[in-house]
Amino acid sequence: MARSMFSGITIMAGRLFYSMNWYNVSPALGDISSTYHIPFSLTGLILAVFLLGAGVFQIPAGIIATKIGSRNTSVLGLVLMSLAVLGSALSPTFLIFVVMRLITGIGAAFFFSSAIGVLSDIYYDKLPEMVGLYNGFFSIGAGIGIFAFIPLIDIFGWQNSLLISGTITLVSALAFFIIVPKGERGGQFDIHKIKSRILDRRIWYISLGFSGFWALNFTLAEYFKTFAESFGFSGIVAGLMGSAIMFLGIVGGILTGFFRRGRPIRTSVVLTLVLSMSLLLLMFNSAYTLWTVVALNGVFAVVIFSLQYTAVIRLDSDRRYIPLNVGLMNSLQLGFGSLVPLVFAFLIPYGYSISWAFLALLSIVTLPMVYMFRIRK
């Protein structure tokens, strides 16, 4: 019992530091632009290559997990992330920095779905609740990356802040390796079973149907601080708004167990429509409307993601392939989502209203794909 509890704490800590390294460049985008003397619009490339690495390598990571085990693959991901974050801090040119962010994304791919595989080994009977907490800790880590790094960057500079982040993540990887049990290894590769899961249309339909919302959620958190500052809010208030989107996710993680009692996919579709339409409120220059969008997206985005992951996990009775199935889902959504920040940043000079309208419309347009396969459980 104690081993299970400490394993859970370690997994959640790994998830927190993992997500911190997703978002800790967000408050530094302006400084990074100045350091490397590049137009701010090119900062969209920093976000895009991270998502590209995280998306493309989800499936290879899932396949590797069937061979060496979910725990070992998770540790490998954290180590790779930590080293790449340290490399980002030491990058002499923007090109090398972008390459380091790509590698950071690859490390993220190895950790994410494999850690869910570890959760399924230890807490299968409580999996929806644990996945909810898992996503809740992602939100906490992302909030830390967005908000806590603002004063950290002001005091130490963005390079030293990334050095601190990379070091903490490396310590987390060591703790994960020592505390979390190995679990079962998958043995020999079974190409036919791997192929059947990669080609499972059910996973494709669910993943692509919610890919627009995935892109909305990521882009909103990354650019909200800059957007709020353009409306006249101070840097500290704007940062608080951006981080609150993520911090409120722990509330959504707790609520996930309640929402799964109905039809998870239908619930996710309804919530996606609500959150998509809420972006239209950002066209009004009011603190009330901005905080409303923050609260809605902060709480219910985690519910949507948790219900999606649980639905995909329940499609397969063989737990060895959970990292592959979830990895496929994440790969499709990340691959699609990696292109969206580039388009969003391109539209900013024409007005943020156009950028937000684009995100809202995109998340709604992809939803009908969910109903190409009906899930009633």
Protein backbone atom coordinates (compact mmCIF):
# COMPACT_ATOMS: atom_id res chain seq x y z
CA MET A 1 0.00 0.00 0.00
CA ALA A 2 2.80 2.41 0.95
CA ARG A 3 4.74 1.47 -2.20
CA SER A 4 1.66 2.18 -4.28
CA MET A 5 1.17 5.57 -2.63
CA PHE A 6 4.80 6.64 -3.10
CA SER A 7 4.70 5.43 -6.70
CA GLY A 8 1.61 7.53 -7.32
CA ILE A 9 3.24 10.61 -5.81
CA THR A 10 6.37 10.07 -7.91
CA ILE A 11 4.37 9.64 -11.11
CA MET A 12 2.40 12.82 -10.41
CA ALA A 13 5.62 14.71 -9.66
CA GLY A 14 7.09 13.50 -12.94
CA ARG A 15 3.96 14.66 -14.73
CA LEU A 16 4.25 18.07 -13.05
CA PHE A 17 7.87 18.64 -14.08
CA TYR A 18 7.15 17.23 -17.54
CA SER A 19 4.42 19.81 -18.12
CA MET A 20 6.49 22.58 -16.57
CA ASN A 21 8.97 22.07 -19.40
CA TRP A 22 6.17 22.36 -21.94
CA TYR A 23 5.17 25.83 -20.88
CA ASN A 24 8.18 27.46 -19.23
CA VAL A 25 9.25 29.05 -22.53
CA SER A 26 5.90 30.85 -22.80
CA PRO A 27 6.78 33.79 -20.48
CA ALA A 28 10.23 33.95 -22.10
CA LEU A 29 9.11 34.22 -25.74
CA GLY A 30 9.73 37.96 -25.87
CA ASP A 31 13.16 37.62 -24.23
CA ILE A 32 14.10 34.73 -26.53
CA SER A 33 13.07 36.84 -29.52
CA SER A 34 15.33 39.66 -28.30
CA THR A 35 18.26 37.39 -27.42
CA TYR A 36 18.42 35.83 -30.87
CA HIS A 37 17.29 38.98 -32.73
CA ILE A 38 14.34 37.33 -34.48
CA PRO A 39 10.82 38.63 -35.20
CA PHE A 40 8.30 37.70 -32.51
CA SER A 41 6.19 35.89 -35.11
CA LEU A 42 8.95 33.27 -35.40
CA THR A 43 8.41 32.25 -31.78
CA GLY A 44 5.54 30.15 -33.08
CA LEU A 45 8.25 27.90 -34.50
CA ILE A 46 9.50 27.20 -30.95
CA LEU A 47 6.09 25.87 -29.97
CA ALA A 48 5.53 24.07 -33.26
CA VAL A 49 8.73 22.00 -33.25
CA PHE A 50 8.14 20.92 -29.66
CA LEU A 51 4.70 19.64 -30.60
CA LEU A 52 6.12 18.05 -33.74
CA GLY A 53 8.67 16.07 -31.74
CA ALA A 54 6.12 15.11 -29.11
CA GLY A 55 3.65 14.06 -31.79
CA VAL A 56 5.82 12.12 -34.21
CA PHE A 57 7.55 10.06 -31.52
CA GLN A 58 4.45 9.04 -29.55
CA ILE A 59 3.99 5.87 -31.61
CA PRO A 60 7.67 4.80 -31.53
CA ALA A 61 7.63 5.41 -27.77
CA GLY A 62 4.55 3.22 -27.41
CA ILE A 63 6.17 0.45 -29.43
CA ILE A 64 9.35 0.65 -27.34
CA ALA A 65 7.25 0.50 -24.16
CA THR A 66 5.84 -2.87 -25.26
CA LYS A 67 9.43 -4.14 -25.28
CA ILE A 68 11.23 -2.50 -22.32
CA GLY A 69 8.21 -1.70 -20.15
CA SER A 70 6.28 1.46 -19.38
CA ARG A 71 8.39 2.44 -16.36
CA ASN A 72 11.70 2.35 -18.21
CA THR A 73 10.26 4.25 -21.17
CA SER A 74 8.90 6.93 -18.83
CA VAL A 75 12.31 7.38 -17.19
CA LEU A 76 13.97 7.59 -20.60
CA GLY A 77 11.55 10.35 -21.54
CA LEU A 78 12.24 12.42 -18.42
CA VAL A 79 16.01 12.08 -18.86
CA LEU A 80 15.80 13.13 -22.50
CA MET A 81 13.61 16.11 -21.61
CA SER A 82 15.92 17.28 -18.84
CA LEU A 83 19.04 17.12 -21.02
CA ALA A 84 17.33 18.95 -23.87
CA VAL A 85 16.07 21.70 -21.54
CA LEU A 86 19.61 22.15 -20.26
CA GLY A 87 20.77 22.27 -23.87
CA SER A 88 18.14 24.90 -24.67
CA ALA A 89 19.56 27.14 -21.95
CA LEU A 90 23.05 26.85 -23.43
CA SER A 91 22.09 27.24 -27.10
CA PRO A 92 24.32 29.83 -28.85
CA THR A 93 21.96 30.30 -31.81
CA PHE A 94 18.22 30.27 -32.43
CA LEU A 95 18.56 27.27 -34.74
CA ILE A 96 20.21 25.17 -32.03
CA PHE A 97 17.58 26.35 -29.55
CA VAL A 98 14.84 25.15 -31.90
CA VAL A 99 16.57 21.77 -32.26
CA MET A 100 16.75 21.45 -28.47
CA ARG A 101 13.02 22.18 -28.23
CA LEU A 102 12.41 19.46 -30.79
CA ILE A 103 14.36 16.99 -28.63
CA THR A 104 12.45 18.19 -25.56
CA GLY A 105 9.28 17.26 -27.41
CA ILE A 106 10.67 13.82 -28.22
CA GLY A 107 11.37 13.26 -24.53
CA ALA A 108 7.81 14.33 -23.76
CA ALA A 109 6.56 11.70 -26.20
CA PHE A 110 8.43 8.95 -24.36
CA PHE A 111 7.08 9.98 -20.96
CA PHE A 112 3.42 10.80 -21.49
CA SER A 113 1.65 7.65 -22.66
CA SER A 114 4.16 5.36 -20.93
CA ALA A 115 3.38 6.97 -17.57
CA ILE A 116 -0.32 6.32 -18.20
CA GLY A 117 0.68 2.72 -18.83
CA VAL A 118 2.35 2.67 -15.40
CA LEU A 119 -0.82 4.08 -13.84
CA SER A 120 -2.88 1.36 -15.49
CA ASP A 121 -0.57 -1.30 -14.01
CA ILE A 122 -0.87 0.06 -10.48
CA TYR A 123 -4.35 1.64 -10.34
CA TYR A 124 -6.42 -0.05 -13.07
CA ASP A 125 -9.57 -0.24 -10.93
CA LYS A 126 -9.35 3.49 -10.21
CA LEU A 127 -8.01 4.48 -13.61
CA PRO A 128 -10.47 7.28 -14.56
CA GLU A 129 -9.86 9.06 -11.26
CA MET A 130 -6.08 8.59 -11.52
CA VAL A 131 -6.02 9.81 -15.13
CA GLY A 132 -7.99 12.84 -13.94
CA LEU A 133 -5.38 13.55 -11.27
CA TYR A 134 -2.62 12.86 -13.79
CA ASN A 135 -4.03 15.54 -16.07
CA GLY A 136 -4.63 17.79 -13.07
CA PHE A 137 -0.93 17.66 -12.21
CA PHE A 138 -0.14 18.47 -15.82
CA SER A 139 -2.16 21.63 -15.31
CA ILE A 140 -0.31 22.48 -12.08
CA GLY A 141 3.06 22.02 -13.76
CA ALA A 142 1.97 24.09 -16.74
CA GLY A 143 0.74 26.82 -14.40
CA ILE A 144 4.11 26.85 -12.68
CA GLY A 145 5.82 27.03 -16.05
CA ILE A 146 3.70 29.99 -17.11
CA PHE A 147 3.38 31.99 -13.89
CA ALA A 148 6.23 31.05 -11.55
CA PHE A 149 8.77 31.47 -14.32
CA ILE A 150 7.84 35.13 -14.79
CA PRO A 151 9.64 36.31 -11.60
CA LEU A 152 12.25 33.58 -12.06
CA ILE A 153 13.11 34.95 -15.50
CA ASP A 154 13.11 38.52 -14.17
CA ILE A 155 15.59 37.57 -11.44
CA PHE A 156 17.86 35.01 -13.13
CA GLY A 157 17.21 35.44 -16.85
CA TRP A 158 15.56 32.90 -19.13
CA GLN A 159 18.70 30.79 -19.68
CA ASN A 160 19.36 30.27 -15.97
CA SER A 161 15.68 29.57 -15.39
CA LEU A 162 15.82 26.74 -17.93
CA LEU A 163 18.97 25.41 -16.25
CA ILE A 164 17.04 25.19 -12.98
CA SER A 165 14.11 23.50 -14.71
CA GLY A 166 16.29 20.94 -16.46
CA THR A 167 18.12 20.04 -13.24
CA ILE A 168 14.87 19.52 -11.30
CA THR A 169 13.53 17.28 -14.08
CA LEU A 170 16.68 15.17 -14.02
CA VAL A 171 16.26 14.62 -10.26
CA SER A 172 12.63 13.64 -10.89
CA ALA A 173 13.76 11.05 -13.44
CA LEU A 174 16.11 9.50 -10.89
CA ALA A 175 13.32 9.32 -8.29
CA PHE A 176 10.99 7.73 -10.85
CA PHE A 177 13.57 5.05 -11.61
CA ILE A 178 14.17 4.25 -7.93
CA ILE A 179 10.62 4.36 -6.54
CA VAL A 180 8.22 3.24 -9.28
CA PRO A 181 8.09 -0.57 -9.78
CA LYS A 182 9.25 -1.99 -13.10
CA GLY A 183 6.02 -3.73 -14.02
CA GLU A 184 5.91 -6.34 -16.75
CA ARG A 185 7.95 -6.21 -19.91
CA GLY A 186 6.19 -6.95 -23.16
CA GLY A 187 8.62 -9.52 -24.50
CA GLN A 188 8.98 -9.97 -28.25
CA PHE A 189 7.50 -7.48 -30.68
CA ASP A 190 4.26 -8.66 -32.23
CA ILE A 191 4.08 -6.74 -35.49
CA HIS A 192 0.55 -7.85 -36.27
CA LYS A 193 -0.82 -6.66 -32.91
CA ILE A 194 1.06 -3.39 -33.17
CA LYS A 195 -0.21 -2.82 -36.70
CA SER A 196 -3.82 -3.59 -35.75
CA ARG A 197 -3.72 -0.97 -33.00
CA ILE A 198 -2.04 1.68 -35.11
CA LEU A 199 -4.74 1.19 -37.76
CA ASP A 200 -7.63 1.09 -35.27
CA ARG A 201 -10.11 3.52 -36.82
CA ARG A 202 -11.88 4.04 -33.50
CA ILE A 203 -8.79 5.70 -32.05
CA TRP A 204 -8.27 7.74 -35.21
CA TYR A 205 -11.81 9.10 -35.20
CA ILE A 206 -11.76 10.08 -31.53
CA SER A 207 -8.29 11.62 -31.81
CA LEU A 208 -8.91 13.69 -34.92
CA GLY A 209 -12.36 14.72 -33.74
CA PHE A 210 -10.88 16.41 -30.69
CA SER A 211 -7.65 17.56 -32.38
CA GLY A 212 -9.06 21.05 -32.93
CA PHE A 213 -9.81 21.40 -29.24
CA TRP A 214 -6.33 20.11 -28.35
CA ALA A 215 -4.84 22.88 -30.50
CA LEU A 216 -7.16 25.44 -28.91
CA ASN A 217 -6.17 24.47 -25.39
CA PHE A 218 -2.43 24.53 -26.03
CA THR A 219 -2.39 27.76 -28.02
CA LEU A 220 -4.67 29.56 -25.56
CA ALA A 221 -2.34 28.84 -22.64
CA GLU A 222 0.81 29.75 -24.58
CA TYR A 223 -0.40 33.12 -25.88
CA PHE A 224 -2.84 34.28 -23.21
CA LYS A 225 -0.25 36.27 -21.24
CA THR A 226 0.87 38.20 -24.31
CA PHE A 227 -2.76 38.76 -25.31
CA ALA A 228 -3.75 40.07 -21.87
CA GLU A 229 -0.78 42.45 -21.85
CA SER A 230 -1.91 43.83 -25.22
CA PHE A 231 -5.21 44.72 -23.54
CA GLY A 232 -3.35 46.79 -20.95
CA PHE A 233 -3.06 44.33 -18.07
CA SER A 234 0.22 44.35 -16.15
CA GLY A 235 2.70 41.54 -16.71
CA ILE A 236 1.98 40.01 -13.30
CA VAL A 237 -1.81 40.03 -13.80
CA ALA A 238 -1.50 38.74 -17.35
CA GLY A 239 0.79 35.97 -16.14
CA LEU A 240 -1.65 35.12 -13.37
CA MET A 241 -4.44 34.78 -15.92
CA GLY A 242 -2.38 32.52 -18.16
CA SER A 243 -1.27 30.31 -15.31
CA ALA A 244 -4.77 30.15 -13.80
CA ILE A 245 -5.93 28.39 -16.98
CA MET A 246 -3.60 25.59 -15.99
CA PHE A 247 -3.84 25.71 -12.17
CA LEU A 248 -7.63 25.35 -12.32
CA GLY A 249 -7.11 22.05 -14.11
CA ILE A 250 -6.71 20.29 -10.76
CA VAL A 251 -10.38 21.09 -10.14
CA GLY A 252 -11.21 19.47 -13.46
CA GLY A 253 -9.12 16.46 -12.53
CA ILE A 254 -11.16 15.98 -9.36
CA LEU A 255 -14.43 16.42 -11.27
CA THR A 256 -13.54 13.82 -13.91
CA GLY A 257 -14.87 10.95 -11.80
CA PHE A 258 -18.27 12.64 -11.69
CA PHE A 259 -18.48 13.32 -15.43
CA ARG A 260 -17.54 9.78 -16.44
CA ARG A 261 -20.85 8.48 -15.06
CA GLY A 262 -22.61 9.64 -18.22
CA ARG A 263 -21.50 9.14 -21.80
CA PRO A 264 -17.89 10.35 -21.83
CA ILE A 265 -17.60 11.17 -25.52
CA ARG A 266 -20.93 12.98 -25.69
CA THR A 267 -19.98 14.93 -22.56
CA SER A 268 -16.64 15.83 -24.13
CA VAL A 269 -18.33 17.08 -27.30
CA VAL A 270 -20.75 19.31 -25.37
CA LEU A 271 -17.96 20.74 -23.21
CA THR A 272 -15.81 21.34 -26.30
CA LEU A 273 -18.60 23.36 -27.91
CA VAL A 274 -18.99 25.44 -24.75
CA LEU A 275 -15.27 26.18 -24.46
CA SER A 276 -14.94 26.94 -28.16
CA MET A 277 -17.74 29.48 -28.06
CA SER A 278 -16.29 31.02 -24.91
CA LEU A 279 -13.35 32.35 -26.96
CA LEU A 280 -15.72 34.83 -28.56
CA LEU A 281 -15.79 36.59 -25.18
CA LEU A 282 -12.14 37.53 -25.71
CA MET A 283 -13.23 40.04 -28.32
CA PHE A 284 -14.53 42.24 -25.49
CA ASN A 285 -12.02 44.29 -23.50
CA SER A 286 -13.16 43.37 -20.01
CA ALA A 287 -11.48 41.71 -17.07
CA TYR A 288 -14.72 39.83 -16.37
CA THR A 289 -14.85 38.24 -19.81
CA LEU A 290 -11.17 37.29 -19.70
CA TRP A 291 -11.50 35.67 -16.29
CA THR A 292 -14.63 33.82 -17.44
CA VAL A 293 -12.68 32.26 -20.31
CA VAL A 294 -9.84 31.42 -17.92
CA ALA A 295 -12.17 29.67 -15.46
CA LEU A 296 -14.14 27.69 -18.05
CA ASN A 297 -11.12 26.46 -19.98
CA GLY A 298 -9.05 25.85 -16.86
CA VAL A 299 -11.59 23.51 -15.26
CA PHE A 300 -13.27 21.73 -18.15
CA ALA A 301 -10.35 21.20 -20.54
CA VAL A 302 -8.90 18.62 -18.13
CA VAL A 303 -12.27 16.86 -17.92
CA ILE A 304 -12.39 16.59 -21.72
CA PHE A 305 -8.86 15.20 -21.99
CA SER A 306 -9.33 12.73 -19.14
CA LEU A 307 -12.55 11.35 -20.63
CA GLN A 308 -10.85 10.95 -24.00
CA TYR A 309 -7.90 9.04 -22.57
CA THR A 310 -10.10 6.79 -20.47
CA ALA A 311 -12.28 5.96 -23.48
CA VAL A 312 -9.25 4.97 -25.55
CA ILE A 313 -7.71 2.94 -22.72
CA ARG A 314 -10.94 0.96 -22.29
CA LEU A 315 -10.92 -0.03 -25.97
CA ASP A 316 -8.12 -2.56 -25.38
CA SER A 317 -8.04 -5.42 -22.88
CA ASP A 318 -4.27 -5.96 -23.24
CA ARG A 319 -2.58 -3.45 -20.95
CA ARG A 320 0.78 -3.83 -22.70
CA TYR A 321 -0.59 -1.78 -25.56
CA ILE A 322 -2.07 1.06 -23.52
CA PRO A 323 1.00 3.30 -24.12
CA LEU A 324 0.74 2.59 -27.85
CA ASN A 325 -2.99 3.34 -28.02
CA VAL A 326 -2.73 6.53 -25.99
CA GLY A 327 0.46 7.41 -27.84
CA LEU A 328 -1.34 7.09 -31.17
CA MET A 329 -4.06 9.42 -29.93
CA ASN A 330 -1.57 11.96 -28.67
CA SER A 331 0.51 11.66 -31.84
CA LEU A 332 -2.41 12.52 -34.06
CA GLN A 333 -3.50 15.44 -31.90
CA LEU A 334 0.01 16.80 -31.40
CA GLY A 335 0.87 16.41 -35.08
CA PHE A 336 -2.18 18.43 -36.04
CA GLY A 337 -1.77 20.85 -33.15
CA SER A 338 1.86 21.63 -34.00
CA LEU A 339 0.73 23.56 -37.07
CA VAL A 340 -1.85 25.69 -35.28
CA PRO A 341 0.45 28.02 -33.26
CA LEU A 342 2.13 29.00 -36.52
CA VAL A 343 -1.20 30.01 -38.06
CA PHE A 344 -2.30 31.72 -34.84
CA ALA A 345 0.91 33.78 -34.64
CA PHE A 346 0.60 34.65 -38.33
CA LEU A 347 -2.91 36.04 -37.75
CA ILE A 348 -1.98 38.17 -34.69
CA PRO A 349 -0.90 41.22 -36.77
CA TYR A 350 -4.44 41.30 -38.18
CA GLY A 351 -5.91 41.40 -34.68
CA TYR A 352 -6.29 38.93 -31.84
CA SER A 353 -10.03 38.69 -32.53
CA ILE A 354 -9.30 36.97 -35.82
CA SER A 355 -6.85 34.59 -34.13
CA TRP A 356 -9.35 33.60 -31.42
CA ALA A 357 -12.15 33.18 -33.97
CA PHE A 358 -9.87 30.89 -35.97
CA LEU A 359 -9.20 28.70 -32.91
CA ALA A 360 -12.88 28.51 -31.98
CA LEU A 361 -13.95 27.58 -35.50
CA LEU A 362 -11.19 25.00 -35.88
CA SER A 363 -12.16 23.15 -32.69
CA ILE A 364 -15.79 22.96 -33.84
CA VAL A 365 -15.03 21.94 -37.44
CA THR A 366 -13.13 18.80 -36.38
CA LEU A 367 -15.79 17.55 -33.93
CA PRO A 368 -18.03 15.68 -36.44
CA MET A 369 -15.26 13.11 -36.92
CA VAL A 370 -16.00 11.82 -33.41
CA TYR A 371 -19.34 10.51 -34.64
CA MET A 372 -17.79 8.45 -37.41
CA PHE A 373 -17.45 5.91 -34.63
CA ARG A 374 -20.01 5.78 -31.84
CA ILE A 375 -18.91 4.99 -28.33
CA ARG A 376 -21.80 4.34 -26.01
CA LYS A 377 -19.87 3.47 -22.88
